[in-house]
Amino acid sequence: MRLLALPVTLIVIAVLVYLLVTLARGGKPASRREAAGSPRWETDTVMENGWTLIVVRKVAPGPNGPVELTRQTVKAIRDDDPDWDERYREGMLEARNRVSTLEIESG
């Protein structure tokens, strides 16, 4: 009897470890897929034609990378503006606040 107790104990422990690993792996990919599949709001900076645009955009994952669904311009700053740094920081703060608000409203 004692001879069988050790192998049975090891088999039970191995089965429990297997189940724990399977459950741990099974839960994570599904949640990653949900997070990866849902659109999200993010801040971005676009530079074009002598202007810096601070925008928030809604993106979703696509087969070839993120796909922009919509975009809102928060602030436009001329590249030669003497207060460019200050206006950029203010614009990014406003954009981050808007992203927070839009995420709350979307959820």
Protein backbone atom coordinates (compact mmCIF):
# COMPACT_ATOMS: atom_id res chain seq x y z
CA MET A 1 0.00 0.00 0.00
CA ARG A 2 2.72 2.47 0.90
CA LEU A 3 4.36 1.70 -2.38
CA LEU A 4 1.29 3.01 -4.28
CA ALA A 5 0.71 6.06 -2.04
CA LEU A 6 3.66 8.05 -3.40
CA PRO A 7 2.84 7.60 -7.14
CA VAL A 8 -0.86 8.34 -6.52
CA THR A 9 0.06 11.49 -4.58
CA LEU A 10 2.39 12.63 -7.37
CA ILE A 11 -0.29 11.99 -10.00
CA VAL A 12 -2.87 13.98 -8.01
CA ILE A 13 -0.42 16.88 -7.60
CA ALA A 14 0.43 16.79 -11.32
CA VAL A 15 -3.26 16.85 -12.26
CA LEU A 16 -3.90 19.81 -9.95
CA VAL A 17 -0.94 21.73 -11.38
CA TYR A 18 -2.13 20.95 -14.93
CA LEU A 19 -5.63 22.21 -14.11
CA LEU A 20 -4.30 25.41 -12.55
CA VAL A 21 -2.06 26.11 -15.53
CA THR A 22 -4.89 25.37 -17.97
CA LEU A 23 -7.26 27.69 -16.13
CA ALA A 24 -4.65 30.42 -15.92
CA ARG A 25 -3.89 30.22 -19.65
CA GLY A 26 -7.53 29.82 -20.60
CA GLY A 27 -8.64 33.04 -18.89
CA LYS A 28 -5.91 35.35 -20.10
CA PRO A 29 -6.15 34.96 -23.88
CA ALA A 30 -9.90 35.59 -23.84
CA SER A 31 -9.50 38.80 -21.87
CA ARG A 32 -6.65 39.87 -24.15
CA ARG A 33 -8.80 39.21 -27.19
CA GLU A 34 -11.61 41.30 -25.72
CA ALA A 35 -9.22 44.13 -24.87
CA ALA A 36 -7.54 43.87 -28.26
CA GLY A 37 -10.86 43.75 -30.12
CA SER A 38 -12.54 46.71 -28.49
CA PRO A 39 -11.99 50.27 -29.76
CA ARG A 40 -10.16 52.67 -27.47
CA TRP A 41 -9.57 56.42 -27.30
CA GLU A 42 -6.01 57.76 -27.38
CA THR A 43 -4.16 61.05 -27.73
CA ASP A 44 -2.01 61.78 -30.75
CA THR A 45 0.03 64.59 -32.26
CA VAL A 46 -0.10 65.30 -35.99
CA MET A 47 2.27 67.72 -37.72
CA GLU A 48 1.13 69.06 -41.08
CA ASN A 49 1.51 72.23 -43.16
CA GLY A 50 3.24 74.24 -40.43
CA TRP A 51 0.75 73.28 -37.73
CA THR A 52 0.88 70.90 -34.78
CA LEU A 53 -2.50 69.30 -34.16
CA ILE A 54 -3.27 67.68 -30.85
CA VAL A 55 -6.02 65.16 -31.43
CA VAL A 56 -7.90 62.40 -29.69
CA ARG A 57 -8.83 59.49 -31.85
CA LYS A 58 -10.79 56.31 -31.50
CA VAL A 59 -8.87 53.32 -32.83
CA ALA A 60 -9.69 49.65 -33.19
CA PRO A 61 -7.36 46.81 -34.08
CA GLY A 62 -7.46 45.82 -37.72
CA PRO A 63 -5.82 43.06 -39.73
CA ASN A 64 -2.94 45.38 -40.75
CA GLY A 65 -2.65 47.38 -37.53
CA PRO A 66 -4.81 49.95 -35.77
CA VAL A 67 -7.67 51.52 -37.74
CA GLU A 68 -8.77 55.06 -36.93
CA LEU A 69 -12.54 55.21 -36.49
CA THR A 70 -12.91 58.89 -35.62
CA ARG A 71 -10.78 61.88 -34.70
CA GLN A 72 -11.34 65.10 -32.77
CA THR A 73 -8.90 68.00 -32.93
CA VAL A 74 -8.32 69.42 -29.45
CA LYS A 75 -5.85 72.18 -30.29
CA ALA A 76 -4.00 73.51 -33.35
CA ILE A 77 -0.70 75.30 -32.75
CA ARG A 78 1.37 77.08 -35.39
CA ASP A 79 4.86 75.60 -35.50
CA ASP A 80 6.43 79.07 -35.25
CA ASP A 81 4.34 80.12 -32.22
CA PRO A 82 6.70 81.52 -29.53
CA ASP A 83 4.59 79.88 -26.79
CA TRP A 84 4.51 76.51 -28.58
CA ASP A 85 5.77 74.48 -25.57
CA GLU A 86 3.25 75.92 -23.15
CA ARG A 87 0.35 75.57 -25.58
CA TYR A 88 1.41 72.01 -26.39
CA ARG A 89 1.42 71.03 -22.71
CA GLU A 90 -1.99 72.66 -22.21
CA GLY A 91 -3.36 70.92 -25.28
CA MET A 92 -2.07 67.50 -24.21
CA LEU A 93 -3.60 67.98 -20.76
CA GLU A 94 -6.93 68.84 -22.34
CA ALA A 95 -6.64 65.87 -24.73
CA ARG A 96 -5.94 63.43 -21.87
CA ASN A 97 -8.93 64.79 -19.97
CA ARG A 98 -11.11 64.37 -23.04
CA VAL A 99 -9.90 60.77 -23.52
CA SER A 100 -10.85 60.02 -19.90
CA THR A 101 -14.29 61.52 -20.43
CA LEU A 102 -14.87 59.69 -23.69
CA GLU A 103 -13.78 56.36 -22.19
CA ILE A 104 -16.22 56.83 -19.32
CA GLU A 105 -19.04 57.71 -21.71
CA SER A 106 -18.23 54.74 -23.98
CA GLY A 107 -18.19 52.20 -21.17
